[in-house]
C-alpha atoms as a PDB file:
ATOM      1  CA  ASN A   1      -7.512   8.362  -1.114  1.00  0.00           C
ATOM      2  CA  ILE A   2      -5.260   9.017  -4.095  1.00  0.00           C
ATOM      3  CA  LYS A   3      -3.489   5.908  -5.345  1.00  0.00           C
ATOM      4  CA  LYS A   4      -0.012   6.581  -6.702  1.00  0.00           C
ATOM      5  CA  GLY A   5       0.221   5.557 -10.320  1.00  0.00           C
ATOM      6  CA  GLN A   6       2.358   2.466 -10.728  1.00  0.00           C
ATOM      7  CA  PHE A   7       4.460   4.445 -13.206  1.00  0.00           C
ATOM      8  CA  LEU A   8       4.936   7.424 -10.876  1.00  0.00           C
ATOM      9  CA  ALA A   9       7.837   8.248  -8.562  1.00  0.00           C
ATOM     10  CA  PRO A  10       6.736   8.679  -4.926  1.00  0.00           C
ATOM     11  CA  GLY A  11       8.086  12.236  -4.781  1.00  0.00           C
ATOM     12  CA  ASP A  12       5.781  13.188  -7.641  1.00  0.00           C
ATOM     13  CA  MET A  13       2.828  12.732  -5.305  1.00  0.00           C
ATOM     14  CA  LYS A  14       3.511  16.191  -3.838  1.00  0.00           C
ATOM     15  CA  GLN A  15       2.278  17.782  -7.057  1.00  0.00           C
ATOM     16  CA  VAL A  16      -0.675  15.392  -7.254  1.00  0.00           C
ATOM     17  CA  VAL A  17      -1.677  16.392  -3.715  1.00  0.00           C
ATOM     18  CA  ASN A  18      -1.253  20.097  -4.538  1.00  0.00           C
ATOM     19  CA  LYS A  19      -3.603  19.721  -7.529  1.00  0.00           C
ATOM     20  CA  ALA A  20      -6.132  17.807  -5.442  1.00  0.00           C
ATOM     21  CA  LYS A  21      -6.070  20.497  -2.744  1.00  0.00           C
ATOM     22  CA  GLU A  22      -6.672  23.155  -5.399  1.00  0.00           C
ATOM     23  CA  ALA A  23      -9.677  21.170  -6.606  1.00  0.00           C
ATOM     24  CA  ASN A  24     -11.188  20.574  -3.157  1.00  0.00           C
ATOM     25  CA  GLY A  25     -10.674  24.078  -1.804  1.00  0.00           C
ATOM     26  CA  GLY A  26      -7.663  23.128   0.303  1.00  0.00           C
ATOM     27  CA  ALA A  27      -9.544  20.686   2.505  1.00  0.00           C
ATOM     28  CA  ASP A  28      -7.288  18.486   4.599  1.00  0.00           C
ATOM     29  CA  THR A  29      -9.053  15.240   3.697  1.00  0.00           C
ATOM     30  CA  ILE A  30      -6.542  13.660   1.321  1.00  0.00           C
ATOM     31  CA  MET A  31      -4.731  10.365   1.834  1.00  0.00           C
ATOM     32  CA  VAL A  32      -2.066   8.972  -0.504  1.00  0.00           C
ATOM     33  CA  CYS A  33      -1.714   5.281  -1.292  1.00  0.00           C
ATOM     34  CA  GLU A  34       1.280   3.209  -2.399  1.00  0.00           C
ATOM     35  CA  ARG A  35       0.556   0.040  -4.364  1.00  0.00           C
ATOM     36  CA  GLY A  36       3.836  -0.779  -6.056  1.00  0.00           C
ATOM     37  CA  ALA A  37       5.694   0.299  -9.167  1.00  0.00           C
ATOM     38  CA  SER A  38       5.819  -1.419 -12.535  1.00  0.00           C
ATOM     39  CA  PHE A  39       8.995  -3.422 -12.955  1.00  0.00           C
ATOM     40  CA  GLY A  40       9.445  -5.262 -16.203  1.00  0.00           C
ATOM     41  CA  TYR A  41       6.530  -7.254 -17.516  1.00  0.00           C
ATOM     42  CA  ASN A  42       3.642  -8.375 -15.298  1.00  0.00           C
ATOM     43  CA  THR A  43       5.446  -7.419 -12.103  1.00  0.00           C
ATOM     44  CA  LEU A  44       5.017  -4.779  -9.410  1.00  0.00           C
ATOM     45  CA  VAL A  45       7.665  -3.980  -6.813  1.00  0.00           C
ATOM     46  CA  SER A  46       6.999  -2.206  -3.521  1.00  0.00           C
ATOM     47  CA  ASP A  47       9.875   0.009  -2.482  1.00  0.00           C
ATOM     48  CA  MET A  48       9.388   0.729   1.210  1.00  0.00           C
ATOM     49  CA  ARG A  49      11.364   3.965   0.856  1.00  0.00           C
ATOM     50  CA  SER A  50       8.423   5.337  -1.092  1.00  0.00           C
ATOM     51  CA  LEU A  51       6.288   5.289   2.054  1.00  0.00           C
ATOM     52  CA  ALA A  52       8.666   7.674   3.837  1.00  0.00           C
ATOM     53  CA  ILE A  53       8.954   9.834   0.720  1.00  0.00           C
ATOM     54  CA  MET A  54       5.175  10.043   0.403  1.00  0.00           C
ATOM     55  CA  ARG A  55       4.957  11.220   4.045  1.00  0.00           C
ATOM     56  CA  GLU A  56       6.528  14.438   2.735  1.00  0.00           C
ATOM     57  CA  THR A  57       3.109  15.232   1.196  1.00  0.00           C
ATOM     58  CA  HIS A  58       1.911  15.773   4.801  1.00  0.00           C
ATOM     59  CA  CYS A  59      -1.001  13.451   4.053  1.00  0.00           C
ATOM     60  CA  PRO A  60      -1.690  10.135   5.754  1.00  0.00           C
ATOM     61  CA  VAL A  61       0.051   7.358   3.812  1.00  0.00           C
ATOM     62  CA  VAL A  62      -1.843   4.135   3.113  1.00  0.00           C
ATOM     63  CA  PHE A  63      -0.318   0.931   1.764  1.00  0.00           C
ATOM     64  CA  ASP A  64      -2.303  -1.343  -0.541  1.00  0.00           C
ATOM     65  CA  ALA A  65      -0.836  -4.726   0.369  1.00  0.00           C
ATOM     66  CA  THR A  66      -2.912  -6.804  -2.028  1.00  0.00           C
ATOM     67  CA  HIS A  67      -2.576  -4.728  -5.187  1.00  0.00           C
ATOM     68  CA  SER A  68       1.160  -4.583  -4.476  1.00  0.00           C
ATOM     69  CA  VAL A  69       1.392  -8.318  -5.146  1.00  0.00           C
ATOM     70  CA  GLN A  70      -0.719  -8.182  -8.285  1.00  0.00           C
ATOM     71  CA  GLN A  71       0.794  -9.363 -11.558  1.00  0.00           C
ATOM     72  CA  PRO A  72      -0.951  -7.230 -14.204  1.00  0.00           C
ATOM     73  CA  GLY A  73      -1.742  -9.416 -17.200  1.00  0.00           C
ATOM     74  CA  GLY A  74       0.203 -12.221 -15.548  1.00  0.00           C
ATOM     75  CA  GLN A  75      -2.319 -14.891 -16.510  1.00  0.00           C
ATOM     76  CA  GLY A  76      -2.629 -13.873 -20.142  1.00  0.00           C
ATOM     77  CA  ASP A  77      -6.209 -12.630 -20.293  1.00  0.00           C
ATOM     78  CA  LYS A  78      -6.319 -11.516 -16.651  1.00  0.00           C
ATOM     79  CA  SER A  79      -4.091 -10.432 -13.818  1.00  0.00           C
ATOM     80  CA  GLY A  80      -2.303 -12.850 -11.543  1.00  0.00           C
ATOM     81  CA  GLY A  81      -1.006 -12.334  -8.045  1.00  0.00           C
ATOM     82  CA  GLN A  82       1.250 -13.655  -5.304  1.00  0.00           C
ATOM     83  CA  ARG A  83      -0.964 -13.536  -2.221  1.00  0.00           C
ATOM     84  CA  GLU A  84       1.654 -15.417  -0.187  1.00  0.00           C
ATOM     85  CA  HIS A  85       3.641 -12.158  -0.081  1.00  0.00           C
ATOM     86  CA  VAL A  86       0.773 -10.030   1.286  1.00  0.00           C
ATOM     87  CA  PRO A  87       1.775 -10.487   4.969  1.00  0.00           C
ATOM     88  CA  VAL A  88       5.446  -9.803   4.221  1.00  0.00           C
ATOM     89  CA  LEU A  89       4.705  -6.501   2.501  1.00  0.00           C
ATOM     90  CA  ALA A  90       2.014  -5.559   5.017  1.00  0.00           C
ATOM     91  CA  ARG A  91       4.426  -6.057   7.933  1.00  0.00           C
ATOM     92  CA  ALA A  92       7.157  -4.069   6.185  1.00  0.00           C
ATOM     93  CA  ALA A  93       4.767  -1.213   5.433  1.00  0.00           C
ATOM     94  CA  VAL A  94       3.427  -1.083   8.987  1.00  0.00           C
ATOM     95  CA  ALA A  95       7.009  -1.146  10.302  1.00  0.00           C
ATOM     96  CA  SER A  96       7.723   1.930   8.176  1.00  0.00           C
ATOM     97  CA  GLY A  97       5.035   3.866  10.053  1.00  0.00           C
ATOM     98  CA  ILE A  98       2.126   4.078   7.612  1.00  0.00           C
ATOM     99  CA  ALA A  99      -1.191   5.588   8.682  1.00  0.00           C
ATOM    100  CA  GLY A 100      -3.345   2.838   7.203  1.00  0.00           C
ATOM    101  CA  ILE A 101      -3.400  -0.387   5.260  1.00  0.00           C
ATOM    102  CA  PHE A 102      -5.689  -1.642   2.525  1.00  0.00           C
ATOM    103  CA  MET A 103      -6.174  -5.324   1.759  1.00  0.00           C
ATOM    104  CA  GLU A 104      -8.719  -7.111  -0.372  1.00  0.00           C
ATOM    105  CA  THR A 105     -10.114 -10.282   1.150  1.00  0.00           C
ATOM    106  CA  HIS A 106     -12.501 -13.027   0.117  1.00  0.00           C
ATOM    107  CA  PRO A 107     -13.835 -16.223   1.740  1.00  0.00           C
ATOM    108  CA  ASP A 108     -12.507 -18.190  -1.252  1.00  0.00           C
ATOM    109  CA  PRO A 109     -10.067 -16.095  -3.323  1.00  0.00           C
ATOM    110  CA  SER A 110     -10.070 -18.685  -6.124  1.00  0.00           C
ATOM    111  CA  LYS A 111     -13.756 -17.849  -6.677  1.00  0.00           C
ATOM    112  CA  ALA A 112     -13.453 -14.057  -6.366  1.00  0.00           C
ATOM    113  CA  LEU A 113     -14.821 -12.170  -9.364  1.00  0.00           C
ATOM    114  CA  SER A 114     -12.014  -9.626  -9.128  1.00  0.00           C
ATOM    115  CA  ASP A 115      -8.435  -9.706  -7.827  1.00  0.00           C
ATOM    116  CA  GLY A 116      -8.691 -13.272  -6.506  1.00  0.00           C
ATOM    117  CA  PRO A 117      -5.011 -14.160  -7.060  1.00  0.00           C
ATOM    118  CA  ASN A 118      -3.881 -11.347  -4.787  1.00  0.00           C
ATOM    119  CA  ALA A 119      -6.762 -11.360  -2.250  1.00  0.00           C
ATOM    120  CA  TRP A 120      -5.973 -12.502   1.289  1.00  0.00           C
ATOM    121  CA  PRO A 121      -8.216 -15.352   2.538  1.00  0.00           C
ATOM    122  CA  LEU A 122     -10.900 -14.090   4.916  1.00  0.00           C
ATOM    123  CA  ASN A 123     -10.280 -16.909   7.428  1.00  0.00           C
ATOM    124  CA  LYS A 124      -6.665 -15.707   7.801  1.00  0.00           C
ATOM    125  CA  MET A 125      -7.422 -11.976   7.976  1.00  0.00           C
ATOM    126  CA  GLU A 126      -8.089 -11.652  11.710  1.00  0.00           C
ATOM    127  CA  ASP A 127      -4.716 -13.127  12.715  1.00  0.00           C
ATOM    128  CA  LEU A 128      -2.888 -10.904  10.237  1.00  0.00           C
ATOM    129  CA  LEU A 129      -4.716  -7.793  11.443  1.00  0.00           C
ATOM    130  CA  HIS A 130      -3.900  -8.539  15.103  1.00  0.00           C
ATOM    131  CA  LEU A 131      -0.223  -8.876  14.206  1.00  0.00           C
ATOM    132  CA  LEU A 132      -0.269  -5.633  12.203  1.00  0.00           C
ATOM    133  CA  VAL A 133      -1.984  -3.715  15.026  1.00  0.00           C
ATOM    134  CA  ASP A 134       0.611  -4.948  17.549  1.00  0.00           C
ATOM    135  CA  LEU A 135       3.450  -4.005  15.206  1.00  0.00           C
ATOM    136  CA  ASP A 136       1.908  -0.585  14.544  1.00  0.00           C
ATOM    137  CA  LYS A 137       1.726   0.187  18.271  1.00  0.00           C
ATOM    138  CA  LEU A 138       5.367  -0.813  18.768  1.00  0.00           C
ATOM    139  CA  VAL A 139       6.626   1.229  15.822  1.00  0.00           C
ATOM    140  CA  LYS A 140       4.686   4.366  16.711  1.00  0.00           C
ATOM    141  CA  LYS A 141       5.754   4.134  20.360  1.00  0.00           C
ATOM    142  CA  ALA A 142       9.427   3.954  19.339  1.00  0.00           C
ATOM    143  CA  GLY A 143       9.255   6.806  16.825  1.00  0.00           C
ATOM    144  CA  PHE A 144      11.125   7.228  13.567  1.00  0.00           C
ATOM    145  CA  ALA A 145      14.933   7.292  13.718  1.00  0.00           C
ATOM    146  CA  GLU A 146      15.133   8.768  10.205  1.00  0.00           C
ATOM    147  CA  GLN A 147      13.468  11.958  11.445  1.00  0.00           C
ATOM    148  CA  THR A 148      16.473  12.637  13.679  1.00  0.00           C
ATOM    149  CA  LEU A 149      18.530  13.207  10.519  1.00  0.00           C
ATOM    150  CA  LEU A 150      16.313  16.001   9.190  1.00  0.00           C
END
């Protein structure tokens, strides 16, 4: 799973994948992961177009919903986060047709040793996952209208 650098354009992942395939003998075991792009100070923005662009790598595309809401350095000596936006971004990513989703969770995010501000509470995870699975089935059944333009 290769995470796109938060400074990197999604189209640049083609070259990253090519290099990785050279290194692993061409094995078809690579996934690419979107986790937002740096925007100003202490802010990441997830551009859903990047998920479609990264599909052009011909690798499964994964969306990291919790790191996408991270605020690097946003609390001075540590990173902050906006976990309330995790479900919004997760739904949008699944609606775009991603192959997988990544989310950090914790029973009590305020006590997590790492990434607590952007972790999704464990007691809310099951409901969110059921919703995302239902949405994924609907989207993949309907197909991708944008592919009719190619």
